[in-house]
Amino acid sequence: CFEEMFVGAEGVNALVAGEDKEASRKIWVEQTMKKWLTRVEQIATGDKFFLAGDKPGLADFWIVAFVDYLAGERAWHGGLIKKDDFEEYKVISRIVRETKKYPAVKAYYDKHPEENVY
């Protein structure tokens, strides 16, 4: 799912080059992002993390990195994706929140608060 979202994100780069950035943002957020984040939420089976269990796994780390990166309004996508765009995704938000509570992950973000975007 996430690799496909990055391909979709490349589409944002092409759209950003156009004149109507707000229309580009709307297309990406309401179509591409919605399609893939909804898909991730549908296949997540855990109560805290992506999969059931008491520890985050690789998918959880991917989700945290992906969401934090996009929510940071980076220049590569023209700042078209905003932190608020993720709020409707309750499962994704829960996975990010719970993964960041895990001691090793929390320690990392305590040392690098500038990376703790979402």
C-alpha atoms as a PDB file:
ATOM      1  CA  CYS A   1       0.000   0.000   0.000  1.00  0.00           C
ATOM      2  CA  PHE A   2       2.638   2.515   1.018  1.00  0.00           C
ATOM      3  CA  GLU A   3       4.790   2.034  -2.043  1.00  0.00           C
ATOM      4  CA  GLU A   4       1.721   2.740  -4.134  1.00  0.00           C
ATOM      5  CA  MET A   5       1.076   5.890  -2.117  1.00  0.00           C
ATOM      6  CA  PHE A   6       4.583   7.091  -2.911  1.00  0.00           C
ATOM      7  CA  VAL A   7       3.836   6.573  -6.588  1.00  0.00           C
ATOM      8  CA  GLY A   8       0.705   8.642  -6.018  1.00  0.00           C
ATOM      9  CA  ALA A   9       2.822  11.222  -4.237  1.00  0.00           C
ATOM     10  CA  GLU A  10       4.918  11.519  -7.350  1.00  0.00           C
ATOM     11  CA  GLY A  11       1.694  12.520  -9.027  1.00  0.00           C
ATOM     12  CA  VAL A  12       1.527  15.390  -6.547  1.00  0.00           C
ATOM     13  CA  ASN A  13       4.893  16.594  -7.824  1.00  0.00           C
ATOM     14  CA  ALA A  14       3.470  16.745 -11.331  1.00  0.00           C
ATOM     15  CA  LEU A  15       0.358  18.502 -10.092  1.00  0.00           C
ATOM     16  CA  VAL A  16       2.385  21.003  -8.063  1.00  0.00           C
ATOM     17  CA  ALA A  17       4.061  22.064 -11.277  1.00  0.00           C
ATOM     18  CA  GLY A  18       0.634  23.090 -12.550  1.00  0.00           C
ATOM     19  CA  GLU A  19      -1.031  26.371 -11.798  1.00  0.00           C
ATOM     20  CA  ASP A  20      -3.880  25.299  -9.520  1.00  0.00           C
ATOM     21  CA  LYS A  21      -2.224  23.913  -6.399  1.00  0.00           C
ATOM     22  CA  GLU A  22      -5.446  23.826  -4.384  1.00  0.00           C
ATOM     23  CA  ALA A  23      -7.106  21.674  -7.037  1.00  0.00           C
ATOM     24  CA  SER A  24      -4.028  19.429  -7.023  1.00  0.00           C
ATOM     25  CA  ARG A  25      -4.177  19.121  -3.251  1.00  0.00           C
ATOM     26  CA  LYS A  26      -7.869  18.264  -3.337  1.00  0.00           C
ATOM     27  CA  ILE A  27      -7.318  15.531  -5.921  1.00  0.00           C
ATOM     28  CA  TRP A  28      -4.487  13.925  -3.978  1.00  0.00           C
ATOM     29  CA  VAL A  29      -6.063  14.167  -0.522  1.00  0.00           C
ATOM     30  CA  GLU A  30      -9.580  13.169  -1.533  1.00  0.00           C
ATOM     31  CA  GLN A  31      -8.659  10.449  -4.015  1.00  0.00           C
ATOM     32  CA  THR A  32      -5.155   9.004  -3.779  1.00  0.00           C
ATOM     33  CA  MET A  33      -4.527   9.447  -0.062  1.00  0.00           C
ATOM     34  CA  LYS A  34      -8.057   8.435   0.886  1.00  0.00           C
ATOM     35  CA  LYS A  35      -7.892   5.304  -1.248  1.00  0.00           C
ATOM     36  CA  TRP A  36      -4.668   4.027   0.283  1.00  0.00           C
ATOM     37  CA  LEU A  37      -5.112   5.073   3.903  1.00  0.00           C
ATOM     38  CA  THR A  38      -8.606   3.603   3.929  1.00  0.00           C
ATOM     39  CA  ARG A  39      -7.152   0.389   2.556  1.00  0.00           C
ATOM     40  CA  VAL A  40      -4.499   0.290   5.304  1.00  0.00           C
ATOM     41  CA  GLU A  41      -7.167   0.871   7.945  1.00  0.00           C
ATOM     42  CA  GLN A  42      -9.303  -1.941   6.549  1.00  0.00           C
ATOM     43  CA  ILE A  43      -6.518  -4.517   6.736  1.00  0.00           C
ATOM     44  CA  ALA A  44      -5.191  -3.480  10.168  1.00  0.00           C
ATOM     45  CA  THR A  45      -6.185  -6.170  12.678  1.00  0.00           C
ATOM     46  CA  GLY A  46      -4.574  -5.058  15.934  1.00  0.00           C
ATOM     47  CA  ASP A  47      -6.148  -3.210  18.837  1.00  0.00           C
ATOM     48  CA  LYS A  48      -3.085  -1.002  19.261  1.00  0.00           C
ATOM     49  CA  PHE A  49      -0.751  -1.708  16.392  1.00  0.00           C
ATOM     50  CA  PHE A  50      -1.236  -2.750  12.764  1.00  0.00           C
ATOM     51  CA  LEU A  51      -1.227  -6.419  13.743  1.00  0.00           C
ATOM     52  CA  ALA A  52      -2.369  -7.948  17.020  1.00  0.00           C
ATOM     53  CA  GLY A  53       0.284  -8.026  19.718  1.00  0.00           C
ATOM     54  CA  ASP A  54       1.931  -5.987  22.422  1.00  0.00           C
ATOM     55  CA  LYS A  55       4.841  -4.680  20.328  1.00  0.00           C
ATOM     56  CA  PRO A  56       4.942  -2.615  17.159  1.00  0.00           C
ATOM     57  CA  GLY A  57       6.149  -4.304  14.000  1.00  0.00           C
ATOM     58  CA  LEU A  58       7.635  -3.198  10.711  1.00  0.00           C
ATOM     59  CA  ALA A  59       4.268  -2.023   9.360  1.00  0.00           C
ATOM     60  CA  ASP A  60       3.787   0.229  12.387  1.00  0.00           C
ATOM     61  CA  PHE A  61       7.187   1.850  11.889  1.00  0.00           C
ATOM     62  CA  TRP A  62       6.393   2.404   8.209  1.00  0.00           C
ATOM     63  CA  ILE A  63       3.091   4.033   9.083  1.00  0.00           C
ATOM     64  CA  VAL A  64       4.698   6.346  11.650  1.00  0.00           C
ATOM     65  CA  ALA A  65       7.487   7.366   9.279  1.00  0.00           C
ATOM     66  CA  PHE A  66       5.137   7.865   6.347  1.00  0.00           C
ATOM     67  CA  VAL A  67       2.570   9.912   8.250  1.00  0.00           C
ATOM     68  CA  ASP A  68       5.173  12.039  10.040  1.00  0.00           C
ATOM     69  CA  TYR A  69       6.936  12.718   6.772  1.00  0.00           C
ATOM     70  CA  LEU A  70       3.805  13.758   4.886  1.00  0.00           C
ATOM     71  CA  ALA A  71       2.280  15.631   7.828  1.00  0.00           C
ATOM     72  CA  GLY A  72       5.459  17.699   8.005  1.00  0.00           C
ATOM     73  CA  GLU A  73       4.347  19.614   4.909  1.00  0.00           C
ATOM     74  CA  ARG A  74       7.620  18.924   3.105  1.00  0.00           C
ATOM     75  CA  ALA A  75       8.671  20.922   0.091  1.00  0.00           C
ATOM     76  CA  TRP A  76       8.836  17.907  -2.258  1.00  0.00           C
ATOM     77  CA  HIS A  77       5.064  17.808  -2.400  1.00  0.00           C
ATOM     78  CA  GLY A  78       4.616  21.548  -2.363  1.00  0.00           C
ATOM     79  CA  GLY A  79       3.169  21.575   1.155  1.00  0.00           C
ATOM     80  CA  LEU A  80      -0.065  20.242  -0.308  1.00  0.00           C
ATOM     81  CA  ILE A  81      -0.563  17.620   2.376  1.00  0.00           C
ATOM     82  CA  LYS A  82      -1.364  18.984   5.835  1.00  0.00           C
ATOM     83  CA  LYS A  83      -1.265  17.426   9.281  1.00  0.00           C
ATOM     84  CA  ASP A  84      -5.043  17.831   9.556  1.00  0.00           C
ATOM     85  CA  ASP A  85      -5.546  15.676   6.466  1.00  0.00           C
ATOM     86  CA  PHE A  86      -4.828  12.586   8.587  1.00  0.00           C
ATOM     87  CA  GLU A  87      -7.334  13.251  11.363  1.00  0.00           C
ATOM     88  CA  GLU A  88     -10.214  11.337   9.746  1.00  0.00           C
ATOM     89  CA  TYR A  89      -8.102   8.165   9.777  1.00  0.00           C
ATOM     90  CA  LYS A  90      -8.723   6.972  13.333  1.00  0.00           C
ATOM     91  CA  VAL A  91      -6.952   3.613  12.972  1.00  0.00           C
ATOM     92  CA  ILE A  92      -3.867   5.236  11.422  1.00  0.00           C
ATOM     93  CA  SER A  93      -3.867   7.877  14.184  1.00  0.00           C
ATOM     94  CA  ARG A  94      -4.133   5.167  16.846  1.00  0.00           C
ATOM     95  CA  ILE A  95      -1.265   3.178  15.330  1.00  0.00           C
ATOM     96  CA  VAL A  96       0.940   6.279  15.231  1.00  0.00           C
ATOM     97  CA  ARG A  97       0.031   7.254  18.801  1.00  0.00           C
ATOM     98  CA  GLU A  98       0.556   3.748  20.241  1.00  0.00           C
ATOM     99  CA  THR A  99       3.787   3.142  18.337  1.00  0.00           C
ATOM    100  CA  LYS A 100       5.202   6.426  19.621  1.00  0.00           C
ATOM    101  CA  LYS A 101       4.421   5.320  23.192  1.00  0.00           C
ATOM    102  CA  TYR A 102       6.594   2.219  22.815  1.00  0.00           C
ATOM    103  CA  PRO A 103       9.716   2.834  24.970  1.00  0.00           C
ATOM    104  CA  ALA A 104      12.387   2.604  22.246  1.00  0.00           C
ATOM    105  CA  VAL A 105      10.347   4.716  19.841  1.00  0.00           C
ATOM    106  CA  LYS A 106       9.507   7.244  22.558  1.00  0.00           C
ATOM    107  CA  ALA A 107      13.197   7.527  23.437  1.00  0.00           C
ATOM    108  CA  TYR A 108      14.007   8.250  19.793  1.00  0.00           C
ATOM    109  CA  TYR A 109      11.398  11.005  19.533  1.00  0.00           C
ATOM    110  CA  ASP A 110      12.493  12.453  22.883  1.00  0.00           C
ATOM    111  CA  LYS A 111      15.953  12.905  21.340  1.00  0.00           C
ATOM    112  CA  HIS A 112      14.562  14.147  17.999  1.00  0.00           C
ATOM    113  CA  PRO A 113      11.429  16.176  18.780  1.00  0.00           C
ATOM    114  CA  GLU A 114      11.628  17.983  15.431  1.00  0.00           C
ATOM    115  CA  GLU A 115      10.735  14.677  13.752  1.00  0.00           C
ATOM    116  CA  ASN A 116       7.662  14.114  15.910  1.00  0.00           C
ATOM    117  CA  VAL A 117       5.208  15.816  13.586  1.00  0.00           C
ATOM    118  CA  TYR A 118       1.955  13.903  13.898  1.00  0.00           C
END
